[in-house]
Every structure is written in C-alpha cells, then in structure tokens.
Amino acid sequence: MQNISTLTLTKYPQFQNLPLPPVSANLSEPTSPPPEASNLLEPPSPPPEASNLSKPPSPPPESANRPPTLSPEPANPPDYGSDHNSGVFDVRKFGAVGDGITDDTDAFKMAWEAACQVDSAVIHVPYGFKFMIQSTIFTGPCQGRLQFQVDGTLAPPDGPDSWPQKNSKRQWLVFYRISMMSLVGGGVIDGKGEKWWDLPCKPHKGINGTTLPGHCDSPIAVRFFMSSNLTVQGLRIKNSPQFNFRFDNCKNVHIKSIHITAPALSPNTDGIHIENTNNVELYDSVISNGDDCISIGSGCYDVDIRNVTCGPSHGISIGSLGNHNSLACVSNITVRDSVIKVSDNGVRIKTWQGGSGAVSGIIFSNIHMDNVRNPIIIDQFYCLTKECSNQTSAVFVSDILYENIKGTYNIRSPPMHFACSDSVPCTNLTLSDVELLPAQGDLVLDPFCWNAYGQLQTLTIPPVSCLMEGAPRSMLDNVMDYC
C-alpha cells in the first residue's frame, strides 16, 4: 500500500494553481472612513465611533502522527524604562493608575498618540497593574513600527450596565488603519464577559434555547480593521463578551503562542475570526471557548494554521458562508499538526443555501481528534432555525483534502458527514489515512454522504462507501465562474 506519510501537494495537482479572489482595495491605506457598524456575526462591520494583552507553548511536534497538547505559561515581565527619547512610552507616565477601577482610557490614548508620531515606539503596559479602558479606537497610520507591549492586565467596564451609553457595545479595543504593529507580551486581556453572556437575549438563557427580547449587542474584545503587517504573540485573553480576536480586511497577519479561554457555554466567543483577510499564519496556540476556536469567513485566502490545541469548543470552521444570498470566496487554507478535543465539531465547512461563490483548495492534515462529535463535516444546509427553505443557489465546495485525521468521536453523530447541495454538489473530496473510532463502546457508525463526489487514497476507518466517483458533468464547464 502507498506510504501516506510522504503525501505532498505534488501528488494532488488539483490543489495547485487555484485562482485567488482579487484584493478589492489597498488595505493599509484606505481612502474612506469606515461606514456604520452592522451585524458582527455575519458580513464584517467596520467600527463605529467610540470614545476610546507567557512563555510560548511547546514547538510543533516532531512526530507526524499526534501533536502534543500545548500549555503556554506566562512569561516573566520584561524590564522597560520610561524614556520617551528611547521610544518607550509607559502608560503610567501619561496618568494611567492601574488599580482596575480608575478609568485609564485617556492615558492610553495619549500614550498611543505620542508613540504614533515616532519612527519606532513601544507602548508599555507594565506588569503588576490592571488597567480599565473604555471602548476605544486606536487609529493610524503611524509614523513607523509600533509595539504594544502588554505585561499587565487590560479590562473593560464590568458588564453592559457599566458601559457608557455613548460608547459602542459591539467592540472594545479596535486598531484601525495600522501597519507594522505588534501586540505582544506576557500579560492578560480580561474581557469580563460574564454579565454579557447572561443577557436575556442570549440563547442559553431562554427556555429550550429560545431568546428573550432586549438589547443583545456584545463587544468583540480585540479587533483589527483595515490593517497590515500585524503580529499578535504571547498574550492570554479570557472571558471575552463575544469574539476574542477579529481581523477584518487585513493582510500579512502573524499570530503565535496565544492562549484563549472562555467557558464552554459562553455564547459567540469565537477565539479568532478572520474576514476578507489574507496571508495569515496562526501557530502554536491554545484555544478553549464557547464557539469556534478559529472561524474563517468570506474573502480569506492563503491561511496557514499549525500546532493549535482546540477545545472544548465548536472546532475549526470555514464559514458560515453565503448568508443572505451573498457571494463568498475562500481558498488556499491549511490546517495541520493540531489537536481538537471534546468539541461539537472537528474540521468543518458550513454554508447557507442561497449563497454563491466557492470554497476550494482546503487541506486538513495531521489532526488528532479526541472525543469530537463531528470530526469531519461539510454542511451546505447550515441554518440556525427550522425555517430555512431549500434554495437552488449554493456556495460551491471543491478540492478538499483530509489527510492523516485520527482519533475518537462521540457516537451521537457519524464520524464523517458530507451534506452537499442538491444543485451544487461537493466535488473532489479526497480522504487519505483517516481513522476515527468511537470514544465509547464498539459501535462504528457509517459515514453520511449526500451529493458528495470524491475519492479514497487509502482505506479509511470507518469505510467510506457513499462518496460518488468523478464529478457531475453539468458542473465541469462552470467551475471557474464561481469566484
């Protein structure tokens, strides 16, 4: 039998030379201010006006079969001075108190404005202090490279009742039109999300998952918007009210050695969400939260995710895509050398009926599943209610490789689930060296396929006999028209 451990992209020519969606604008130098905010759970919304972050985890595993569980630890606080002439801007020198009660927003804004005017600067948030900051937009472009060094703790006001009425309730810390910035350190970003999760409109508060009327906006903890050449490294972020990190319309993003935590039932606390963002590297991190560890939205391409430990969570997702009959294009995404544990989903692609566009060139490689309900899933019938009707249009899903996916699954669901559109089937799904066994008992459920076309490079456990061979003839001439 063929040696699967040596599989490379050269063996899969269908994953090479895939078309990329065009970049619609110069992301580092936008020509117009952000429009008004909209629903942050679907298409991206730019920031509204507002008044105003451990020793890294272990390196990628040497073994190609099972990466280790990562356990990053806080780094020792570095010793920064306060000499503005040397380019170091200690927020305490601008009036920040750091007692966790006093509003330090203005001091941070003044430190930002001063640092933004020099060629190379460090804004220092010192160890041993907790700084309370209101909803704030840190705006660029700045003069040169800027390092936001968080060794202490940052926190927002304590819940919606403490949030000033004039401030946006959809976001907390926003970095807008920034280039060559690093958000680093061994500190903590404490989102204090408990009171936001308990709003009566949140699904887990109502009877049988229902929601109750009332204000429901909750802030994203950290958001980068229309920015480029970004580094986020070493930080711990906990208990975000909503998404922990969100990157909208960004390029050249490097994320490494971060640790995100939130309770399993905290609603919409996606660890890292990217939208209309390209050239992303996400390495050596631990994410445990109440929604997707990583979610990849429309307009994203050239994304490399490696050595991530995910869970409990909802897994790693591409989507949801195509909501409200929208065009969605995602390509060249790789997730490798990672662990997903005790999660609702493993690696997932989810699209709405009625959308258009394409998801292509996706590689899931060397991923260990530990008691995951849906280890491998494509769902082109994604819907949050029971009222979604069948529609003809759909986002085209093609050229998806699952390689060396092993571990255990929760027997409530089949280990592999390919539910593809009646009118726009999934094509060129490739499975190689997939072994998924029940976490409890001996029952091995059959995989589920609906309108799914693909091939098996090796035998799988459990066997997959429901994939159809080839591709529907009606689609072969139209593949290039989707994005």
Protein backbone atom coordinates (compact mmCIF):
# COMPACT_ATOMS: atom_id res chain seq x y z
CA MET A 1 0.00 0.00 0.00
CA GLN A 2 1.10 3.54 -0.64
CA ASN A 3 3.06 5.28 2.13
CA ILE A 4 0.69 8.01 3.23
CA SER A 5 3.16 9.82 5.48
CA THR A 6 5.02 11.06 2.39
CA LEU A 7 1.99 12.58 0.70
CA THR A 8 2.65 16.06 -0.56
CA LEU A 9 0.85 18.55 -2.69
CA THR A 10 2.76 17.27 -5.69
CA LYS A 11 0.55 14.19 -5.52
CA TYR A 12 -2.56 16.35 -5.65
CA PRO A 13 -2.29 18.61 -8.69
CA GLN A 14 -5.87 19.66 -8.21
CA PHE A 15 -4.80 21.70 -5.17
CA GLN A 16 -2.24 23.73 -7.13
CA ASN A 17 -2.67 26.88 -9.17
CA LEU A 18 -6.08 27.64 -7.76
CA PRO A 19 -7.46 31.09 -8.58
CA LEU A 20 -7.39 33.66 -5.83
CA PRO A 21 -10.07 36.29 -5.34
CA PRO A 22 -8.91 39.80 -6.15
CA VAL A 23 -7.97 42.24 -3.42
CA SER A 24 -10.57 44.92 -3.58
CA ALA A 25 -8.65 47.79 -2.05
CA ASN A 26 -5.38 48.96 -0.60
CA LEU A 27 -5.85 47.64 2.89
CA SER A 28 -3.07 49.55 4.57
CA GLU A 29 -4.14 52.94 3.18
CA PRO A 30 -7.94 53.08 2.87
CA THR A 31 -9.32 56.14 1.15
CA SER A 32 -12.59 56.41 3.04
CA PRO A 33 -13.62 56.22 6.72
CA PRO A 34 -15.41 53.13 7.99
CA PRO A 35 -19.16 53.03 7.38
CA GLU A 36 -21.58 52.45 10.20
CA ALA A 37 -21.43 49.10 12.05
CA SER A 38 -23.80 46.22 11.26
CA ASN A 39 -24.35 42.66 12.45
CA LEU A 40 -20.91 41.40 13.52
CA LEU A 41 -21.87 37.74 13.32
CA GLU A 42 -22.14 37.71 9.54
CA PRO A 43 -20.65 40.11 6.97
CA PRO A 44 -17.90 42.26 8.53
CA SER A 45 -18.81 45.60 10.01
CA PRO A 46 -16.32 48.43 10.39
CA PRO A 47 -16.03 50.17 13.73
CA PRO A 48 -18.46 52.92 14.72
CA GLU A 49 -17.15 55.95 16.50
CA ALA A 50 -16.19 55.29 20.07
CA SER A 51 -14.56 57.25 22.87
CA ASN A 52 -11.94 55.38 23.23
CA LEU A 53 -2.51 41.89 26.44
CA SER A 54 3.66 33.57 28.83
CA LYS A 55 6.26 31.72 27.76
CA PRO A 56 5.14 30.32 24.40
CA PRO A 57 3.81 26.80 24.18
CA SER A 58 5.96 23.90 23.09
CA PRO A 59 7.20 23.94 19.48
CA PRO A 60 5.48 21.90 16.75
CA PRO A 61 5.71 18.17 17.43
CA GLU A 62 8.43 16.10 15.88
CA SER A 63 6.03 13.20 15.47
CA ALA A 64 3.92 13.38 12.34
CA ASN A 65 1.11 11.41 13.92
CA ARG A 66 -0.03 13.22 17.03
CA PRO A 67 0.86 16.71 18.14
CA PRO A 68 1.08 17.36 21.86
CA THR A 69 -1.38 19.30 23.94
CA LEU A 70 0.02 22.77 24.43
CA SER A 71 0.34 24.50 27.78
CA PRO A 72 1.69 28.02 27.47
CA GLU A 73 2.76 29.78 30.64
CA PRO A 74 3.03 33.47 31.46
CA ALA A 75 6.35 34.99 30.57
CA ASN A 76 8.48 36.85 33.07
CA PRO A 77 7.75 40.58 32.79
CA PRO A 78 10.43 42.43 30.84
CA ASP A 79 12.11 45.46 32.34
CA TYR A 80 11.13 48.52 30.36
CA GLY A 81 12.16 52.03 31.18
CA SER A 82 10.08 55.14 30.66
CA ASP A 83 12.38 57.21 28.49
CA HIS A 84 10.41 58.74 25.63
CA ASN A 85 13.67 59.61 23.90
CA SER A 86 14.38 55.89 23.61
CA GLY A 87 10.93 55.28 22.14
CA VAL A 88 9.41 53.64 25.25
CA PHE A 89 6.08 55.06 26.37
CA ASP A 90 4.95 53.75 29.78
CA VAL A 91 1.22 54.38 30.11
CA ARG A 92 1.70 55.36 33.77
CA LYS A 93 3.73 58.36 32.65
CA PHE A 94 0.59 59.58 30.89
CA GLY A 95 -1.58 59.32 34.00
CA ALA A 96 -2.71 55.68 33.98
CA VAL A 97 -3.29 54.44 37.55
CA GLY A 98 -3.67 50.69 37.03
CA ASP A 99 -5.84 49.91 40.04
CA GLY A 100 -8.58 48.19 38.00
CA ILE A 101 -11.11 50.85 39.00
CA THR A 102 -9.88 54.19 37.70
CA ASP A 103 -10.69 54.94 34.07
CA ASP A 104 -7.31 54.87 32.29
CA THR A 105 -8.68 55.40 28.80
CA ASP A 106 -7.35 58.92 28.26
CA ALA A 107 -3.87 57.94 29.42
CA PHE A 108 -3.75 55.09 26.89
CA LYS A 109 -4.97 57.38 24.12
CA MET A 110 -2.32 59.97 24.92
CA ALA A 111 0.40 57.31 25.01
CA TRP A 112 -0.83 56.00 21.65
CA GLU A 113 -0.86 59.44 20.06
CA ALA A 114 2.67 60.19 21.28
CA ALA A 115 4.07 56.80 20.21
CA CYS A 116 2.34 57.03 16.84
CA GLN A 117 4.41 60.08 15.94
CA VAL A 118 7.86 58.48 16.18
CA ASP A 119 9.69 56.09 13.87
CA SER A 120 9.86 53.16 16.31
CA ALA A 121 8.00 53.03 19.59
CA VAL A 122 6.95 50.73 22.45
CA ILE A 123 3.77 51.43 24.40
CA HIS A 124 4.39 49.66 27.68
CA VAL A 125 1.61 48.26 29.91
CA PRO A 126 3.63 47.28 32.99
CA TYR A 127 3.40 44.02 34.94
CA GLY A 128 1.55 44.09 38.26
CA PHE A 129 -1.12 46.59 37.27
CA LYS A 130 -4.69 46.25 35.99
CA PHE A 131 -5.88 48.99 33.68
CA MET A 132 -9.55 49.65 32.99
CA ILE A 133 -10.18 51.00 29.49
CA GLN A 134 -13.41 52.06 27.82
CA SER A 135 -14.38 51.17 24.24
CA THR A 136 -11.60 52.77 22.20
CA ILE A 137 -10.35 53.01 18.62
CA PHE A 138 -6.59 53.32 18.23
CA THR A 139 -6.21 54.91 14.82
CA GLY A 140 -3.34 55.02 12.36
CA PRO A 141 -1.44 55.17 10.18
CA CYS A 142 1.51 55.76 12.47
CA GLN A 143 4.95 57.09 11.66
CA GLY A 144 6.74 53.74 11.91
CA ARG A 145 6.81 50.40 13.69
CA LEU A 146 4.79 50.24 16.88
CA GLN A 147 4.93 47.63 19.65
CA PHE A 148 2.05 47.45 22.11
CA GLN A 149 3.69 45.56 24.98
CA VAL A 150 1.10 44.23 27.45
CA ASP A 151 2.69 42.73 30.55
CA GLY A 152 -0.04 43.78 32.96
CA THR A 153 -3.80 43.30 32.65
CA LEU A 154 -6.30 45.15 30.49
CA ALA A 155 -10.00 45.08 31.34
CA PRO A 156 -13.18 46.85 30.16
CA PRO A 157 -16.04 48.20 32.29
CA ASP A 158 -17.83 45.46 34.23
CA GLY A 159 -20.77 44.45 32.04
CA PRO A 160 -23.41 46.26 29.97
CA ASP A 161 -24.78 48.32 32.87
CA SER A 162 -21.33 49.85 33.41
CA TRP A 163 -20.78 50.53 29.72
CA PRO A 164 -21.18 54.25 28.89
CA GLN A 165 -24.18 54.88 26.67
CA LYS A 166 -22.14 56.93 24.20
CA ASN A 167 -19.71 54.03 23.59
CA SER A 168 -20.14 51.20 21.11
CA LYS A 169 -21.40 47.99 22.67
CA ARG A 170 -20.16 45.99 19.69
CA GLN A 171 -16.44 46.34 20.27
CA TRP A 172 -13.91 47.17 22.93
CA LEU A 173 -10.32 47.59 21.67
CA VAL A 174 -10.10 48.45 17.97
CA PHE A 175 -6.94 49.02 15.92
CA TYR A 176 -7.82 50.80 12.68
CA ARG A 177 -5.60 51.53 9.66
CA ILE A 178 -2.44 50.27 11.36
CA SER A 179 0.63 48.91 9.60
CA MET A 180 3.70 47.23 11.14
CA MET A 181 2.25 46.80 14.63
CA SER A 182 2.95 44.12 17.26
CA LEU A 183 0.56 43.32 20.09
CA VAL A 184 2.73 41.22 22.37
CA GLY A 185 3.63 40.42 25.97
CA GLY A 186 3.03 38.05 28.83
CA GLY A 187 0.00 39.88 30.16
CA VAL A 188 -3.72 39.25 30.22
CA ILE A 189 -6.68 40.72 28.41
CA ASP A 190 -9.66 40.11 30.68
CA GLY A 191 -12.90 40.64 28.76
CA LYS A 192 -15.12 40.32 31.86
CA GLY A 193 -17.82 38.76 29.70
CA GLU A 194 -19.97 37.03 32.32
CA LYS A 195 -22.64 39.73 32.54
CA TRP A 196 -22.81 39.99 28.75
CA TRP A 197 -23.37 36.22 28.39
CA ASP A 198 -26.24 36.45 30.87
CA LEU A 199 -28.27 38.97 28.86
CA PRO A 200 -31.80 37.54 28.40
CA CYS A 201 -31.40 37.60 24.61
CA LYS A 202 -28.61 35.01 24.70
CA PRO A 203 -29.78 31.56 23.51
CA HIS A 204 -28.56 29.66 26.57
CA LYS A 205 -30.68 31.83 28.88
CA GLY A 206 -34.13 31.15 27.40
CA ILE A 207 -36.31 28.06 27.70
CA ASN A 208 -35.23 25.35 25.25
CA GLY A 209 -32.67 27.64 23.68
CA THR A 210 -35.10 30.46 22.98
CA THR A 211 -34.19 34.11 23.23
CA LEU A 212 -35.93 36.91 25.04
CA PRO A 213 -36.34 40.48 23.77
CA GLY A 214 -33.95 43.23 24.74
CA HIS A 215 -30.51 44.64 23.99
CA CYS A 216 -28.20 41.95 22.69
CA ASP A 217 -25.06 43.63 21.33
CA SER A 218 -21.88 42.38 22.97
CA PRO A 219 -18.37 43.71 22.33
CA ILE A 220 -15.59 41.97 20.46
CA ALA A 221 -12.55 42.11 22.72
CA VAL A 222 -9.81 42.95 20.20
CA ARG A 223 -10.41 43.90 16.59
CA PHE A 224 -8.02 44.83 13.80
CA PHE A 225 -9.64 46.59 10.87
CA MET A 226 -8.09 47.57 7.51
CA SER A 227 -4.58 46.91 8.83
CA SER A 228 -1.48 45.09 7.60
CA ASN A 229 1.81 43.54 8.73
CA LEU A 230 0.48 42.60 12.17
CA THR A 231 1.93 40.39 14.91
CA VAL A 232 0.00 39.09 17.92
CA GLN A 233 2.09 36.95 20.25
CA GLY A 234 2.35 35.63 23.80
CA LEU A 235 -0.84 37.02 25.28
CA ARG A 236 -3.58 35.43 27.33
CA ILE A 237 -7.14 36.51 26.68
CA LYS A 238 -10.03 35.28 28.79
CA ASN A 239 -13.77 35.66 29.09
CA SER A 240 -14.40 37.87 26.09
CA PRO A 241 -18.02 39.11 25.86
CA GLN A 242 -18.11 37.97 22.22
CA PHE A 243 -15.33 37.19 19.70
CA ASN A 244 -11.86 37.28 21.28
CA PHE A 245 -9.92 38.43 18.22
CA ARG A 246 -11.34 39.57 14.91
CA PHE A 247 -9.42 40.60 11.79
CA ASP A 248 -11.39 42.41 9.07
CA ASN A 249 -9.86 43.50 5.76
CA CYS A 250 -6.33 42.80 6.93
CA LYS A 251 -3.26 41.28 5.28
CA ASN A 252 0.03 39.78 6.46
CA VAL A 253 -1.09 38.66 9.93
CA HIS A 254 1.17 36.54 12.18
CA ILE A 255 -0.39 35.07 15.36
CA LYS A 256 1.71 32.90 17.66
CA SER A 257 1.75 31.49 21.19
CA ILE A 258 -1.53 32.89 22.43
CA HIS A 259 -3.87 31.32 24.98
CA ILE A 260 -7.63 31.96 24.77
CA THR A 261 -10.07 30.71 27.40
CA ALA A 262 -13.81 31.06 27.97
CA PRO A 263 -16.46 28.69 29.38
CA ALA A 264 -17.89 26.07 27.02
CA LEU A 265 -21.36 27.66 27.22
CA SER A 266 -20.26 31.25 26.65
CA PRO A 267 -22.16 32.34 23.50
CA ASN A 268 -20.39 33.51 20.35
CA THR A 269 -16.96 33.61 21.96
CA ASP A 270 -15.08 32.61 18.80
CA GLY A 271 -11.38 32.51 19.52
CA ILE A 272 -10.04 34.04 16.32
CA HIS A 273 -12.24 35.16 13.44
CA ILE A 274 -10.89 36.41 10.11
CA GLU A 275 -12.88 38.00 7.31
CA ASN A 276 -11.65 39.42 3.98
CA THR A 277 -8.14 38.76 5.26
CA ASN A 278 -5.19 37.08 3.54
CA ASN A 279 -1.64 35.86 4.21
CA VAL A 280 -2.36 34.68 7.76
CA GLU A 281 -0.08 32.49 9.92
CA LEU A 282 -1.57 31.11 13.16
CA TYR A 283 0.85 28.92 15.11
CA ASP A 284 1.49 27.25 18.49
CA SER A 285 -1.63 28.37 20.37
CA VAL A 286 -4.28 27.02 22.76
CA ILE A 287 -7.95 27.95 22.42
CA SER A 288 -10.80 26.77 24.64
CA ASN A 289 -14.10 28.62 24.35
CA GLY A 290 -17.84 28.52 23.71
CA ASP A 291 -17.84 28.68 19.91
CA ASP A 292 -15.41 28.08 17.04
CA CYS A 293 -11.75 28.08 18.04
CA ILE A 294 -10.98 29.56 14.65
CA SER A 295 -13.56 30.75 12.14
CA ILE A 296 -12.70 31.74 8.59
CA GLY A 297 -15.14 33.99 6.79
CA SER A 298 -15.62 35.14 3.24
CA GLY A 299 -12.79 36.76 1.31
CA CYS A 300 -9.99 34.86 3.07
CA TYR A 301 -7.14 33.11 1.28
CA ASP A 302 -3.57 31.97 1.95
CA VAL A 303 -4.13 30.96 5.58
CA ASP A 304 -1.75 28.55 7.39
CA ILE A 305 -2.83 27.15 10.79
CA ARG A 306 -0.35 24.90 12.60
CA ASN A 307 0.09 23.33 16.06
CA VAL A 308 -3.13 24.56 17.61
CA THR A 309 -4.85 22.83 20.51
CA CYS A 310 -8.59 23.47 20.26
CA GLY A 311 -11.32 22.59 22.72
CA PRO A 312 -13.66 22.29 24.37
CA SER A 313 -15.21 24.35 21.59
CA HIS A 314 -17.13 24.14 18.33
CA GLY A 315 -13.96 23.23 16.40
CA ILE A 316 -12.23 24.90 13.46
CA SER A 317 -14.66 26.21 10.85
CA ILE A 318 -14.65 27.67 7.41
CA GLY A 319 -17.86 29.68 7.40
CA SER A 320 -20.58 30.21 7.77
CA LEU A 321 -20.63 31.44 4.16
CA GLY A 322 -23.30 32.75 1.79
CA ASN A 323 -25.79 34.12 4.32
CA HIS A 324 -28.46 36.45 2.93
CA ASN A 325 -27.72 35.21 -0.61
CA SER A 326 -24.22 36.71 -0.51
CA LEU A 327 -21.14 35.90 -2.55
CA ALA A 328 -18.44 34.08 -0.56
CA CYS A 329 -14.96 33.11 -1.77
CA VAL A 330 -12.39 31.21 0.34
CA SER A 331 -9.27 29.44 -0.97
CA ASN A 332 -5.86 28.05 -0.04
CA ILE A 333 -6.48 27.25 3.64
CA THR A 334 -4.28 24.73 5.50
CA VAL A 335 -4.91 23.33 8.99
CA ARG A 336 -2.18 20.90 10.15
CA ASP A 337 -0.40 19.32 13.13
CA SER A 338 -3.20 20.15 15.56
CA VAL A 339 -5.43 18.65 18.27
CA ILE A 340 -9.20 19.08 18.60
CA LYS A 341 -10.71 17.71 21.80
CA VAL A 342 -14.13 17.41 23.45
CA SER A 343 -15.75 19.62 20.83
CA ASP A 344 -19.03 19.72 18.93
CA ASN A 345 -17.15 19.72 15.63
CA GLY A 346 -13.67 18.99 14.35
CA VAL A 347 -12.88 20.50 10.95
CA ARG A 348 -16.00 21.97 9.41
CA ILE A 349 -17.13 23.77 6.28
CA LYS A 350 -20.55 25.36 6.64
CA THR A 351 -22.53 27.31 4.03
CA TRP A 352 -26.03 28.72 3.73
CA GLN A 353 -28.38 27.82 0.93
CA GLY A 354 -28.97 30.69 -1.45
CA GLY A 355 -25.39 31.90 -1.37
CA SER A 356 -22.89 31.83 -4.21
CA GLY A 357 -19.12 31.67 -4.66
CA ALA A 358 -16.68 28.89 -3.85
CA VAL A 359 -14.58 27.18 -1.18
CA SER A 360 -11.56 25.47 -2.73
CA GLY A 361 -8.01 24.34 -2.05
CA ILE A 362 -8.54 23.32 1.59
CA ILE A 363 -6.10 20.96 3.35
CA PHE A 364 -6.75 19.36 6.74
CA SER A 365 -3.63 17.35 7.60
CA ASN A 366 -2.29 15.51 10.66
CA ILE A 367 -5.08 16.33 13.07
CA HIS A 368 -5.86 14.31 16.20
CA MET A 369 -9.49 14.15 17.34
CA ASP A 370 -10.29 13.41 20.97
CA ASN A 371 -13.98 12.67 21.64
CA VAL A 372 -15.28 15.04 18.96
CA ARG A 373 -18.93 14.84 17.96
CA ASN A 374 -18.49 15.62 14.24
CA PRO A 375 -14.78 15.17 13.40
CA ILE A 376 -15.18 15.81 9.66
CA ILE A 377 -18.19 17.74 8.39
CA ILE A 378 -19.33 19.64 5.33
CA ASP A 379 -22.76 21.20 5.81
CA GLN A 380 -24.22 23.09 2.85
CA PHE A 381 -27.58 23.23 4.60
CA TYR A 382 -26.38 25.36 7.53
CA CYS A 383 -29.28 27.08 9.26
CA LEU A 384 -29.81 28.48 12.76
CA THR A 385 -33.57 27.87 12.76
CA LYS A 386 -36.00 25.27 11.41
CA GLU A 387 -37.45 27.76 8.94
CA CYS A 388 -34.76 27.74 6.24
CA SER A 389 -36.17 26.66 2.88
CA ASN A 390 -34.37 24.77 0.12
CA GLN A 391 -32.79 27.04 -2.48
CA THR A 392 -31.12 26.33 -5.81
CA SER A 393 -28.07 28.54 -5.42
CA ALA A 394 -25.21 27.43 -3.15
CA VAL A 395 -21.54 28.06 -2.43
CA PHE A 396 -19.50 25.57 -4.47
CA VAL A 397 -17.26 23.31 -2.32
CA SER A 398 -14.40 21.58 -4.13
CA ASP A 399 -10.79 20.36 -3.80
CA ILE A 400 -10.82 19.43 -0.11
CA LEU A 401 -8.10 17.11 1.24
CA TYR A 402 -8.42 15.20 4.53
CA GLU A 403 -5.08 13.56 5.32
CA ASN A 404 -3.98 11.70 8.47
CA ILE A 405 -7.07 12.51 10.53
CA LYS A 406 -7.15 10.13 13.50
CA GLY A 407 -8.72 9.78 16.93
CA THR A 408 -12.10 9.26 18.56
CA TYR A 409 -15.59 10.57 18.03
CA ASN A 410 -18.74 10.92 20.11
CA ILE A 411 -21.21 8.29 18.89
CA ARG A 412 -24.14 10.72 18.83
CA SER A 413 -23.17 11.58 15.23
CA PRO A 414 -21.46 9.88 12.28
CA PRO A 415 -17.69 10.49 12.24
CA MET A 416 -17.84 11.88 8.70
CA HIS A 417 -20.73 13.97 7.40
CA PHE A 418 -20.82 15.31 3.84
CA ALA A 419 -24.18 17.06 3.29
CA CYS A 420 -23.90 18.83 -0.05
CA SER A 421 -26.31 20.94 -2.05
CA ASP A 422 -28.83 19.24 -4.33
CA SER A 423 -27.99 21.61 -7.17
CA VAL A 424 -24.31 22.39 -6.45
CA PRO A 425 -22.66 19.15 -5.25
CA CYS A 426 -19.34 18.95 -3.42
CA THR A 427 -16.61 17.71 -5.75
CA ASN A 428 -13.07 16.38 -5.50
CA LEU A 429 -13.15 15.44 -1.82
CA THR A 430 -10.02 13.37 -1.06
CA LEU A 431 -9.58 11.16 2.02
CA SER A 432 -6.25 9.61 2.95
CA ASP A 433 -5.25 7.79 6.14
CA VAL A 434 -8.40 8.61 8.08
CA GLU A 435 -9.01 6.50 11.22
CA LEU A 436 -11.86 7.51 13.54
CA LEU A 437 -13.12 5.19 16.29
CA PRO A 438 -15.93 5.61 18.84
CA ALA A 439 -14.85 7.16 22.11
CA GLN A 440 -17.09 4.68 23.95
CA GLY A 441 -18.35 1.22 23.00
CA ASP A 442 -17.78 -0.76 19.82
CA LEU A 443 -20.39 0.78 17.55
CA VAL A 444 -18.81 2.23 14.41
CA LEU A 445 -21.28 4.44 12.59
CA ASP A 446 -21.29 4.67 8.80
CA PRO A 447 -20.25 7.98 7.27
CA PHE A 448 -23.04 10.11 5.80
CA CYS A 449 -22.89 11.45 2.24
CA TRP A 450 -25.39 13.45 0.23
CA ASN A 451 -24.48 14.59 -3.28
CA ALA A 452 -20.76 14.34 -2.48
CA TYR A 453 -18.14 13.38 -5.09
CA GLY A 454 -14.60 12.32 -4.24
CA GLN A 455 -12.00 9.59 -3.88
CA LEU A 456 -10.22 7.50 -1.26
CA GLN A 457 -6.44 7.43 -1.47
CA THR A 458 -6.36 4.69 1.20
CA LEU A 459 -8.86 2.60 3.09
CA THR A 460 -10.48 4.52 5.90
CA ILE A 461 -11.86 3.60 9.31
CA PRO A 462 -14.80 3.52 9.19
CA PRO A 463 -15.02 2.68 5.47
CA VAL A 464 -16.48 5.39 3.26
CA SER A 465 -18.60 3.82 0.55
CA CYS A 466 -21.01 6.68 -0.02
CA LEU A 467 -18.77 9.07 -2.00
CA MET A 468 -19.61 9.18 -5.69
CA GLU A 469 -16.81 8.99 -8.26
CA GLY A 470 -15.92 11.68 -10.78
CA ALA A 471 -17.89 14.91 -10.99
CA PRO A 472 -21.35 15.86 -12.30
CA ARG A 473 -20.98 16.74 -15.99
CA SER A 474 -23.20 19.80 -15.68
CA MET A 475 -20.64 21.46 -13.41
CA LEU A 476 -17.39 20.75 -15.23
CA ASP A 477 -17.67 23.69 -17.61
CA ASN A 478 -18.62 26.22 -14.95
CA VAL A 479 -16.05 25.72 -12.17
CA MET A 480 -14.13 28.88 -12.99
CA ASP A 481 -17.25 31.04 -12.85
CA TYR A 482 -17.85 30.77 -9.12
CA CYS A 483 -15.28 33.28 -7.82
